[in-house]
C-alpha atoms as a PDB file:
ATOM      1  CA  MET A   1     -85.812  85.940 105.690  1.00  0.00           C
ATOM      2  CA  ARG A   2     -85.949  86.356 101.888  1.00  0.00           C
ATOM      3  CA  LEU A   3     -82.153  86.381 101.718  1.00  0.00           C
ATOM      4  CA  ALA A   4     -81.995  83.258 103.899  1.00  0.00           C
ATOM      5  CA  LEU A   5     -84.447  81.475 101.595  1.00  0.00           C
ATOM      6  CA  ARG A   6     -82.383  82.474  98.573  1.00  0.00           C
ATOM      7  CA  GLU A   7     -79.236  81.127 100.214  1.00  0.00           C
ATOM      8  CA  THR A   8     -81.073  77.871 100.970  1.00  0.00           C
ATOM      9  CA  MET A   9     -82.166  77.506  97.334  1.00  0.00           C
ATOM     10  CA  ILE A  10     -78.618  78.206  96.196  1.00  0.00           C
ATOM     11  CA  GLY A  11     -77.421  75.421  98.490  1.00  0.00           C
ATOM     12  CA  PHE A  12     -79.979  73.047  96.953  1.00  0.00           C
ATOM     13  CA  ARG A  13     -78.851  73.923  93.427  1.00  0.00           C
ATOM     14  CA  ARG A  14     -75.167  73.621  94.251  1.00  0.00           C
ATOM     15  CA  ALA A  15     -75.468  70.090  95.590  1.00  0.00           C
ATOM     16  CA  PRO A  16     -78.722  68.636  94.219  1.00  0.00           C
ATOM     17  CA  MET A  17     -77.625  65.020  94.593  1.00  0.00           C
ATOM     18  CA  LEU A  18     -76.647  65.546  98.217  1.00  0.00           C
ATOM     19  CA  SER A  19     -79.989  67.244  98.893  1.00  0.00           C
ATOM     20  CA  VAL A  20     -81.954  64.467  97.196  1.00  0.00           C
ATOM     21  CA  LEU A  21     -79.929  61.817  99.038  1.00  0.00           C
ATOM     22  CA  SER A  22     -80.513  63.459 102.421  1.00  0.00           C
ATOM     23  CA  ILE A  23     -84.256  63.924 101.778  1.00  0.00           C
ATOM     24  CA  THR A  24     -84.563  60.300 100.635  1.00  0.00           C
ATOM     25  CA  THR A  25     -82.636  59.016 103.638  1.00  0.00           C
ATOM     26  CA  ILE A  26     -84.769  61.075 106.006  1.00  0.00           C
ATOM     27  CA  ALA A  27     -87.901  59.858 104.224  1.00  0.00           C
ATOM     28  CA  PHE A  28     -86.990  56.196 104.610  1.00  0.00           C
ATOM     29  CA  SER A  29     -86.123  56.687 108.285  1.00  0.00           C
ATOM     30  CA  LEU A  30     -89.511  58.321 108.851  1.00  0.00           C
ATOM     31  CA  PHE A  31     -91.175  55.717 106.598  1.00  0.00           C
ATOM     32  CA  ALA A  32     -89.897  52.909 108.828  1.00  0.00           C
ATOM     33  CA  PHE A  33     -91.310  54.750 111.835  1.00  0.00           C
ATOM     34  CA  GLY A  34     -94.509  55.426 109.892  1.00  0.00           C
ATOM     35  CA  LEU A  35     -95.025  51.732 109.192  1.00  0.00           C
ATOM     36  CA  PHE A  36     -94.710  50.865 112.853  1.00  0.00           C
ATOM     37  CA  SER A  37     -96.973  53.784 113.765  1.00  0.00           C
ATOM     38  CA  LEU A  38     -99.539  52.470 111.276  1.00  0.00           C
ATOM     39  CA  VAL A  39     -99.414  49.074 112.979  1.00  0.00           C
ATOM     40  CA  ALA A  40     -99.744  50.771 116.384  1.00  0.00           C
ATOM     41  CA  VAL A  41    -102.731  52.852 115.194  1.00  0.00           C
ATOM     42  CA  ASN A  42    -104.524  49.752 113.955  1.00  0.00           C
ATOM     43  CA  ILE A  43    -103.703  47.814 117.127  1.00  0.00           C
ATOM     44  CA  ARG A  44    -105.110  50.634 119.246  1.00  0.00           C
ATOM     45  CA  LYS A  45    -108.180  50.859 116.995  1.00  0.00           C
ATOM     46  CA  THR A  46    -108.825  47.119 117.358  1.00  0.00           C
ATOM     47  CA  LEU A  47    -108.219  47.230 121.103  1.00  0.00           C
ATOM     48  CA  GLY A  48    -110.578  50.200 121.355  1.00  0.00           C
ATOM     49  CA  GLU A  49    -113.319  48.239 119.606  1.00  0.00           C
ATOM     50  CA  VAL A  50    -112.740  45.260 121.894  1.00  0.00           C
ATOM     51  CA  GLU A  51    -112.534  47.512 124.943  1.00  0.00           C
ATOM     52  CA  SER A  52    -115.924  49.045 124.118  1.00  0.00           C
ATOM     53  CA  ARG A  53    -117.449  45.617 124.752  1.00  0.00           C
ATOM     54  CA  VAL A  54    -116.039  45.301 128.285  1.00  0.00           C
ATOM     55  CA  GLU A  55    -118.961  44.543 130.576  1.00  0.00           C
ATOM     56  CA  ILE A  56    -119.759  43.173 134.013  1.00  0.00           C
ATOM     57  CA  ARG A  57    -122.353  40.417 134.320  1.00  0.00           C
ATOM     58  CA  ALA A  58    -124.037  39.922 137.696  1.00  0.00           C
ATOM     59  CA  PHE A  59    -125.938  36.634 138.068  1.00  0.00           C
ATOM     60  CA  LEU A  60    -129.005  36.898 140.279  1.00  0.00           C
ATOM     61  CA  ALA A  61    -130.299  34.455 142.884  1.00  0.00           C
ATOM     62  CA  ASP A  62    -133.458  32.553 141.949  1.00  0.00           C
ATOM     63  CA  GLY A  63    -136.661  34.165 143.141  1.00  0.00           C
ATOM     64  CA  THR A  64    -135.277  37.702 143.451  1.00  0.00           C
ATOM     65  CA  PRO A  65    -138.308  40.089 143.375  1.00  0.00           C
ATOM     66  CA  VAL A  66    -138.605  42.299 140.312  1.00  0.00           C
ATOM     67  CA  GLU A  67    -138.887  45.437 142.483  1.00  0.00           C
ATOM     68  CA  VAL A  68    -135.574  44.655 144.171  1.00  0.00           C
ATOM     69  CA  VAL A  69    -133.861  44.123 140.815  1.00  0.00           C
ATOM     70  CA  SER A  70    -135.311  47.379 139.430  1.00  0.00           C
ATOM     71  CA  ALA A  71    -134.156  49.357 142.462  1.00  0.00           C
ATOM     72  CA  ALA A  72    -130.660  47.840 142.221  1.00  0.00           C
ATOM     73  CA  MET A  73    -130.470  48.639 138.500  1.00  0.00           C
ATOM     74  CA  GLY A  74    -131.305  52.258 139.315  1.00  0.00           C
ATOM     75  CA  ASP A  75    -128.546  52.380 141.916  1.00  0.00           C
ATOM     76  CA  ILE A  76    -125.987  50.774 139.597  1.00  0.00           C
ATOM     77  CA  GLY A  77    -126.979  53.028 136.699  1.00  0.00           C
ATOM     78  CA  ALA A  78    -126.234  56.042 138.923  1.00  0.00           C
ATOM     79  CA  PHE A  79    -122.565  55.032 139.218  1.00  0.00           C
ATOM     80  CA  PRO A  80    -120.538  57.624 137.251  1.00  0.00           C
ATOM     81  CA  GLU A  81    -118.424  54.834 135.722  1.00  0.00           C
ATOM     82  CA  VAL A  82    -121.450  52.990 134.292  1.00  0.00           C
ATOM     83  CA  SER A  83    -122.955  53.812 130.902  1.00  0.00           C
ATOM     84  CA  ARG A  84    -125.706  51.208 130.594  1.00  0.00           C
ATOM     85  CA  VAL A  85    -127.514  48.648 132.754  1.00  0.00           C
ATOM     86  CA  GLU A  86    -129.626  45.880 131.209  1.00  0.00           C
ATOM     87  CA  TYR A  87    -131.699  43.127 132.794  1.00  0.00           C
ATOM     88  CA  VAL A  88    -131.417  39.718 131.085  1.00  0.00           C
ATOM     89  CA  SER A  89    -134.193  37.268 131.951  1.00  0.00           C
ATOM     90  CA  PRO A  90    -133.598  33.479 131.947  1.00  0.00           C
ATOM     91  CA  ASP A  91    -135.503  33.206 128.653  1.00  0.00           C
ATOM     92  CA  SER A  92    -133.419  35.969 127.069  1.00  0.00           C
ATOM     93  CA  ALA A  93    -130.228  34.345 128.344  1.00  0.00           C
ATOM     94  CA  LEU A  94    -131.321  31.040 126.828  1.00  0.00           C
ATOM     95  CA  ALA A  95    -132.097  32.648 123.464  1.00  0.00           C
ATOM     96  CA  ARG A  96    -128.745  34.420 123.451  1.00  0.00           C
ATOM     97  CA  ALA A  97    -126.852  31.234 124.332  1.00  0.00           C
ATOM     98  CA  ARG A  98    -128.609  29.304 121.578  1.00  0.00           C
ATOM     99  CA  ALA A  99    -127.818  32.054 119.067  1.00  0.00           C
ATOM    100  CA  GLU A 100    -124.139  32.250 120.043  1.00  0.00           C
ATOM    101  CA  LEU A 101    -123.666  28.472 120.342  1.00  0.00           C
ATOM    102  CA  GLY A 102    -126.023  27.163 117.685  1.00  0.00           C
ATOM    103  CA  GLU A 103    -124.487  23.691 117.572  1.00  0.00           C
ATOM    104  CA  PHE A 104    -125.440  23.184 121.237  1.00  0.00           C
ATOM    105  CA  LYS A 105    -128.859  24.857 121.169  1.00  0.00           C
ATOM    106  CA  ASP A 106    -130.697  21.641 122.036  1.00  0.00           C
ATOM    107  CA  VAL A 107    -128.516  21.106 125.102  1.00  0.00           C
ATOM    108  CA  PHE A 108    -129.490  24.311 126.903  1.00  0.00           C
ATOM    109  CA  GLU A 109    -132.405  24.411 129.269  1.00  0.00           C
ATOM    110  CA  SER A 110    -133.862  27.580 130.727  1.00  0.00           C
ATOM    111  CA  ALA A 111    -133.343  26.295 134.240  1.00  0.00           C
ATOM    112  CA  PHE A 112    -129.582  26.186 133.712  1.00  0.00           C
ATOM    113  CA  LEU A 113    -129.357  29.910 132.980  1.00  0.00           C
ATOM    114  CA  PRO A 114    -130.109  32.365 135.785  1.00  0.00           C
ATOM    115  CA  ALA A 115    -131.281  35.914 135.295  1.00  0.00           C
ATOM    116  CA  SER A 116    -128.529  38.509 135.205  1.00  0.00           C
ATOM    117  CA  ILE A 117    -127.774  42.200 135.045  1.00  0.00           C
ATOM    118  CA  ASP A 118    -125.326  43.307 132.313  1.00  0.00           C
ATOM    119  CA  ILE A 119    -123.360  46.480 133.069  1.00  0.00           C
ATOM    120  CA  ARG A 120    -121.453  48.435 130.411  1.00  0.00           C
ATOM    121  CA  MET A 121    -118.668  50.778 131.497  1.00  0.00           C
ATOM    122  CA  ARG A 122    -118.146  54.329 130.260  1.00  0.00           C
ATOM    123  CA  GLU A 123    -115.170  55.171 128.072  1.00  0.00           C
ATOM    124  CA  GLY A 124    -112.213  56.065 130.251  1.00  0.00           C
ATOM    125  CA  HIS A 125    -113.400  53.769 133.053  1.00  0.00           C
ATOM    126  CA  ARG A 126    -112.639  50.386 131.487  1.00  0.00           C
ATOM    127  CA  ASP A 127    -109.241  49.850 133.078  1.00  0.00           C
ATOM    128  CA  PRO A 128    -108.783  46.696 135.212  1.00  0.00           C
ATOM    129  CA  GLU A 129    -108.784  48.504 138.569  1.00  0.00           C
ATOM    130  CA  THR A 130    -112.001  50.432 137.898  1.00  0.00           C
ATOM    131  CA  VAL A 131    -113.803  47.378 136.500  1.00  0.00           C
ATOM    132  CA  LYS A 132    -112.681  45.307 139.499  1.00  0.00           C
ATOM    133  CA  THR A 133    -113.888  47.989 141.931  1.00  0.00           C
ATOM    134  CA  ILE A 134    -117.324  48.248 140.316  1.00  0.00           C
ATOM    135  CA  ALA A 135    -117.619  44.444 140.163  1.00  0.00           C
ATOM    136  CA  GLY A 136    -116.892  44.310 143.896  1.00  0.00           C
ATOM    137  CA  ARG A 137    -119.560  46.903 144.668  1.00  0.00           C
ATOM    138  CA  ILE A 138    -122.118  44.986 142.609  1.00  0.00           C
ATOM    139  CA  LYS A 139    -121.205  41.702 144.273  1.00  0.00           C
ATOM    140  CA  SER A 140    -122.036  43.230 147.649  1.00  0.00           C
ATOM    141  CA  PHE A 141    -125.753  43.147 146.793  1.00  0.00           C
ATOM    142  CA  GLU A 142    -127.328  40.278 148.746  1.00  0.00           C
ATOM    143  CA  PHE A 143    -129.280  38.858 145.792  1.00  0.00           C
ATOM    144  CA  VAL A 144    -126.183  38.648 143.517  1.00  0.00           C
ATOM    145  CA  ASP A 145    -124.839  35.096 143.388  1.00  0.00           C
ATOM    146  CA  ASP A 146    -121.806  35.742 141.218  1.00  0.00           C
ATOM    147  CA  VAL A 147    -120.120  38.498 139.198  1.00  0.00           C
ATOM    148  CA  ARG A 148    -117.999  37.924 136.115  1.00  0.00           C
ATOM    149  CA  TYR A 149    -116.188  40.352 133.872  1.00  0.00           C
ATOM    150  CA  GLY A 150    -113.302  38.379 132.366  1.00  0.00           C
ATOM    151  CA  GLU A 151    -110.644  39.646 134.770  1.00  0.00           C
ATOM    152  CA  ASP A 152    -107.733  37.911 133.007  1.00  0.00           C
ATOM    153  CA  TRP A 153    -108.977  39.079 129.610  1.00  0.00           C
ATOM    154  CA  VAL A 154    -109.264  42.734 130.740  1.00  0.00           C
ATOM    155  CA  ASP A 155    -105.759  42.620 132.271  1.00  0.00           C
ATOM    156  CA  LYS A 156    -104.271  41.164 129.069  1.00  0.00           C
ATOM    157  CA  LEU A 157    -106.049  43.788 126.969  1.00  0.00           C
ATOM    158  CA  TYR A 158    -104.467  46.628 128.929  1.00  0.00           C
ATOM    159  CA  ARG A 159    -101.051  44.968 129.027  1.00  0.00           C
ATOM    160  CA  ILE A 160    -101.074  44.678 125.224  1.00  0.00           C
ATOM    161  CA  ARG A 161    -102.064  48.329 124.882  1.00  0.00           C
ATOM    162  CA  ASN A 162     -99.391  49.504 127.320  1.00  0.00           C
ATOM    163  CA  VAL A 163     -96.688  47.417 125.601  1.00  0.00           C
ATOM    164  CA  ALA A 164     -97.714  48.786 122.179  1.00  0.00           C
ATOM    165  CA  THR A 165     -97.595  52.365 123.501  1.00  0.00           C
ATOM    166  CA  ALA A 166     -94.192  51.923 125.171  1.00  0.00           C
ATOM    167  CA  THR A 167     -92.706  50.191 122.115  1.00  0.00           C
ATOM    168  CA  GLY A 168     -94.016  52.927 119.832  1.00  0.00           C
ATOM    169  CA  LEU A 169     -92.473  55.613 122.035  1.00  0.00           C
ATOM    170  CA  VAL A 170     -89.056  53.893 122.139  1.00  0.00           C
ATOM    171  CA  LEU A 171     -88.974  53.241 118.385  1.00  0.00           C
ATOM    172  CA  GLY A 172     -90.207  56.751 117.664  1.00  0.00           C
ATOM    173  CA  LEU A 173     -87.369  58.264 119.668  1.00  0.00           C
ATOM    174  CA  ALA A 174     -84.874  55.908 118.005  1.00  0.00           C
ATOM    175  CA  PHE A 175     -85.973  56.798 114.457  1.00  0.00           C
ATOM    176  CA  ALA A 176     -86.081  60.495 115.364  1.00  0.00           C
ATOM    177  CA  ALA A 177     -82.491  60.254 116.633  1.00  0.00           C
ATOM    178  CA  VAL A 178     -81.411  58.557 113.386  1.00  0.00           C
ATOM    179  CA  ALA A 179     -83.093  61.272 111.318  1.00  0.00           C
ATOM    180  CA  VAL A 180     -81.431  64.019 113.411  1.00  0.00           C
ATOM    181  CA  ILE A 181     -78.014  62.393 112.863  1.00  0.00           C
ATOM    182  CA  ILE A 182     -78.634  62.104 109.099  1.00  0.00           C
ATOM    183  CA  ILE A 183     -79.702  65.743 108.766  1.00  0.00           C
ATOM    184  CA  GLY A 184     -76.789  66.836 110.935  1.00  0.00           C
ATOM    185  CA  ALA A 185     -74.353  64.953 108.701  1.00  0.00           C
ATOM    186  CA  THR A 186     -75.708  66.545 105.512  1.00  0.00           C
ATOM    187  CA  ILE A 187     -75.635  70.020 107.062  1.00  0.00           C
ATOM    188  CA  ARG A 188     -72.049  69.407 108.232  1.00  0.00           C
ATOM    189  CA  MET A 189     -70.989  68.526 104.690  1.00  0.00           C
ATOM    190  CA  THR A 190     -72.703  71.662 103.395  1.00  0.00           C
ATOM    191  CA  VAL A 191     -70.959  73.828 106.001  1.00  0.00           C
ATOM    192  CA  MET A 192     -67.560  72.367 105.145  1.00  0.00           C
ATOM    193  CA  ALA A 193     -68.203  72.809 101.420  1.00  0.00           C
ATOM    194  CA  ARG A 194     -69.040  76.479 101.994  1.00  0.00           C
ATOM    195  CA  ALA A 195     -66.246  77.130 104.497  1.00  0.00           C
ATOM    196  CA  ARG A 196     -64.540  79.760 102.300  1.00  0.00           C
ATOM    197  CA  GLU A 197     -67.829  81.568 101.648  1.00  0.00           C
ATOM    198  CA  ILE A 198     -68.675  81.576 105.363  1.00  0.00           C
ATOM    199  CA  SER A 199     -65.246  83.012 106.208  1.00  0.00           C
ATOM    200  CA  ILE A 200     -65.803  85.859 103.716  1.00  0.00           C
ATOM    201  CA  MET A 201     -69.257  86.548 105.175  1.00  0.00           C
ATOM    202  CA  ARG A 202     -67.701  86.835 108.643  1.00  0.00           C
ATOM    203  CA  LEU A 203     -65.076  89.259 107.333  1.00  0.00           C
ATOM    204  CA  VAL A 204     -67.804  91.602 106.102  1.00  0.00           C
ATOM    205  CA  GLY A 205     -69.577  91.496 109.481  1.00  0.00           C
ATOM    206  CA  ALA A 206     -72.138  88.664 109.198  1.00  0.00           C
ATOM    207  CA  THR A 207     -73.194  87.295 112.588  1.00  0.00           C
ATOM    208  CA  ASP A 208     -73.409  83.590 113.438  1.00  0.00           C
ATOM    209  CA  ALA A 209     -77.198  83.928 113.624  1.00  0.00           C
ATOM    210  CA  PHE A 210     -77.301  85.309 110.076  1.00  0.00           C
ATOM    211  CA  ILE A 211     -75.024  82.537 108.792  1.00  0.00           C
ATOM    212  CA  ARG A 212     -76.940  79.839 110.679  1.00  0.00           C
ATOM    213  CA  ARG A 213     -80.391  80.848 109.369  1.00  0.00           C
ATOM    214  CA  PRO A 214     -80.123  79.369 105.828  1.00  0.00           C
ATOM    215  CA  PHE A 215     -78.934  76.053 107.278  1.00  0.00           C
ATOM    216  CA  LEU A 216     -81.885  75.927 109.670  1.00  0.00           C
ATOM    217  CA  ILE A 217     -84.272  76.622 106.798  1.00  0.00           C
ATOM    218  CA  ASP A 218     -82.441  73.951 104.791  1.00  0.00           C
ATOM    219  CA  GLY A 219     -83.014  71.402 107.577  1.00  0.00           C
ATOM    220  CA  PHE A 220     -86.647  72.500 107.945  1.00  0.00           C
ATOM    221  CA  LEU A 221     -87.353  72.047 104.230  1.00  0.00           C
ATOM    222  CA  LYS A 222     -85.571  68.689 104.095  1.00  0.00           C
ATOM    223  CA  GLY A 223     -87.546  67.519 107.116  1.00  0.00           C
ATOM    224  CA  ILE A 224     -90.852  68.618 105.541  1.00  0.00           C
ATOM    225  CA  LEU A 225     -90.036  67.053 102.155  1.00  0.00           C
ATOM    226  CA  GLY A 226     -88.798  63.871 103.812  1.00  0.00           C
ATOM    227  CA  GLY A 227     -91.961  63.764 105.925  1.00  0.00           C
ATOM    228  CA  LEU A 228     -94.196  64.220 102.848  1.00  0.00           C
ATOM    229  CA  LEU A 229     -92.377  61.454 100.992  1.00  0.00           C
ATOM    230  CA  ALA A 230     -92.576  59.161 104.037  1.00  0.00           C
ATOM    231  CA  LEU A 231     -96.301  59.903 104.405  1.00  0.00           C
ATOM    232  CA  GLY A 232     -96.888  59.052 100.745  1.00  0.00           C
ATOM    233  CA  LEU A 233     -94.947  55.787 101.046  1.00  0.00           C
ATOM    234  CA  THR A 234     -96.851  54.854 104.211  1.00  0.00           C
ATOM    235  CA  TRP A 235    -100.195  55.573 102.515  1.00  0.00           C
ATOM    236  CA  PHE A 236     -99.174  53.416  99.533  1.00  0.00           C
ATOM    237  CA  ALA A 237     -98.134  50.588 101.879  1.00  0.00           C
ATOM    238  CA  SER A 238    -101.464  50.807 103.721  1.00  0.00           C
ATOM    239  CA  GLN A 239    -103.351  50.562 100.418  1.00  0.00           C
ATOM    240  CA  VAL A 240    -101.354  47.495  99.363  1.00  0.00           C
ATOM    241  CA  ILE A 241    -102.020  45.829 102.721  1.00  0.00           C
ATOM    242  CA  SER A 242    -105.726  46.731 102.590  1.00  0.00           C
ATOM    243  CA  HIS A 243    -106.199  45.358  99.079  1.00  0.00           C
ATOM    244  CA  ASN A 244    -104.166  42.188  99.478  1.00  0.00           C
ATOM    245  CA  PHE A 245    -104.230  41.195 103.144  1.00  0.00           C
ATOM    246  CA  ILE A 246    -106.367  42.947 105.762  1.00  0.00           C
ATOM    247  CA  GLN A 247    -108.306  46.196 105.928  1.00  0.00           C
ATOM    248  CA  THR A 248    -106.236  48.847 107.686  1.00  0.00           C
ATOM    249  CA  ALA A 249    -106.993  52.326 108.981  1.00  0.00           C
ATOM    250  CA  PHE A 250    -104.722  55.186 107.900  1.00  0.00           C
ATOM    251  CA  PHE A 251    -103.632  58.145 109.988  1.00  0.00           C
ATOM    252  CA  SER A 252    -106.158  60.862 110.720  1.00  0.00           C
ATOM    253  CA  ARG A 253    -105.457  64.352 109.355  1.00  0.00           C
ATOM    254  CA  GLY A 254    -104.334  65.406 112.803  1.00  0.00           C
ATOM    255  CA  LEU A 255    -101.808  62.565 113.103  1.00  0.00           C
ATOM    256  CA  ALA A 256    -100.565  63.116 109.530  1.00  0.00           C
ATOM    257  CA  SER A 257    -100.070  66.840 110.224  1.00  0.00           C
ATOM    258  CA  LEU A 258     -98.320  65.982 113.483  1.00  0.00           C
ATOM    259  CA  GLY A 259     -95.998  63.664 111.544  1.00  0.00           C
ATOM    260  CA  LEU A 260     -95.093  66.438 109.091  1.00  0.00           C
ATOM    261  CA  LEU A 261     -94.527  68.847 111.963  1.00  0.00           C
ATOM    262  CA  GLY A 262     -92.340  66.213 113.621  1.00  0.00           C
ATOM    263  CA  GLY A 263     -90.291  65.868 110.424  1.00  0.00           C
ATOM    264  CA  ALA A 264     -89.820  69.649 110.277  1.00  0.00           C
ATOM    265  CA  MET A 265     -88.785  69.799 113.946  1.00  0.00           C
ATOM    266  CA  ILE A 266     -86.334  66.939 113.456  1.00  0.00           C
ATOM    267  CA  GLY A 267     -84.845  68.839 110.519  1.00  0.00           C
ATOM    268  CA  VAL A 268     -84.464  72.057 112.512  1.00  0.00           C
ATOM    269  CA  ILE A 269     -83.000  70.269 115.560  1.00  0.00           C
ATOM    270  CA  GLY A 270     -80.517  68.290 113.438  1.00  0.00           C
ATOM    271  CA  SER A 271     -79.437  71.427 111.597  1.00  0.00           C
ATOM    272  CA  SER A 272     -79.149  73.487 114.771  1.00  0.00           C
ATOM    273  CA  LEU A 273     -76.980  70.920 116.562  1.00  0.00           C
ATOM    274  CA  SER A 274     -74.705  70.401 113.580  1.00  0.00           C
ATOM    275  CA  VAL A 275     -74.278  73.948 112.335  1.00  0.00           C
ATOM    276  CA  GLY A 276     -73.642  75.350 115.821  1.00  0.00           C
ATOM    277  CA  ARG A 277     -70.821  72.859 116.390  1.00  0.00           C
ATOM    278  CA  HIS A 278     -69.195  73.134 112.974  1.00  0.00           C
ATOM    279  CA  LEU A 279     -69.402  76.904 112.536  1.00  0.00           C
ATOM    280  CA  ARG A 280     -66.911  77.179 115.396  1.00  0.00           C
ATOM    281  CA  LYS A 281     -64.427  75.168 113.305  1.00  0.00           C
ATOM    282  CA  VAL A 282     -64.786  77.284 110.169  1.00  0.00           C
END
């Protein structure tokens, strides 16, 4: 391993401009992916905050006895998908409406606003199908006049999230493929430049695995360095956006580490594909 590392460092010193160019190119490929990932992270964060407010509101028939409502709230609260159940009296509903729509506060009358039960869903159970199922079960209570949960809004929320996830996956694979091609091209040039040296190593008994190892380490290091540079550029971009436009969340330590690991894996894969093919030609 020590000899392989020494050979890798020798390769860096022999062609420093090529190494810097390949690291920079890898970094900008990963930086472009990092920017989109940053947008995706913030979209998911915003959607998560909105999703946490998904609730079902069941409007009650006038004159429903308090005991009946209390018993129903106990039953609904026992649903595994439900996190919280709250009774909203007509007076509370009126106060809330006046607070939310202050310009129309004199228009509202308590008689216009029926009592209701507000149901909050647990995390992981806020998808459209689950919310619709629970709303249907609640509507089956005889004293429930109507149930509303913003069906169209919930569907749109999940469509946006699914589109963002799918787009991120496609772009991630595309940028990873570009980075693999770039690393492969730089490794190919290095192999061709060291063709005579590789031939001599084979004459003295060096195996393909021994010859391949420095190139794999070379790709690994370039991937790591490119990933670090891309991470720094993405952090700088997020700071500029936060200070001048809108507050943005940056990657967690776990996601940042995963990005660096991804850069290293891209480097190793690109090197492995390229060196295996071109060693056969040397």
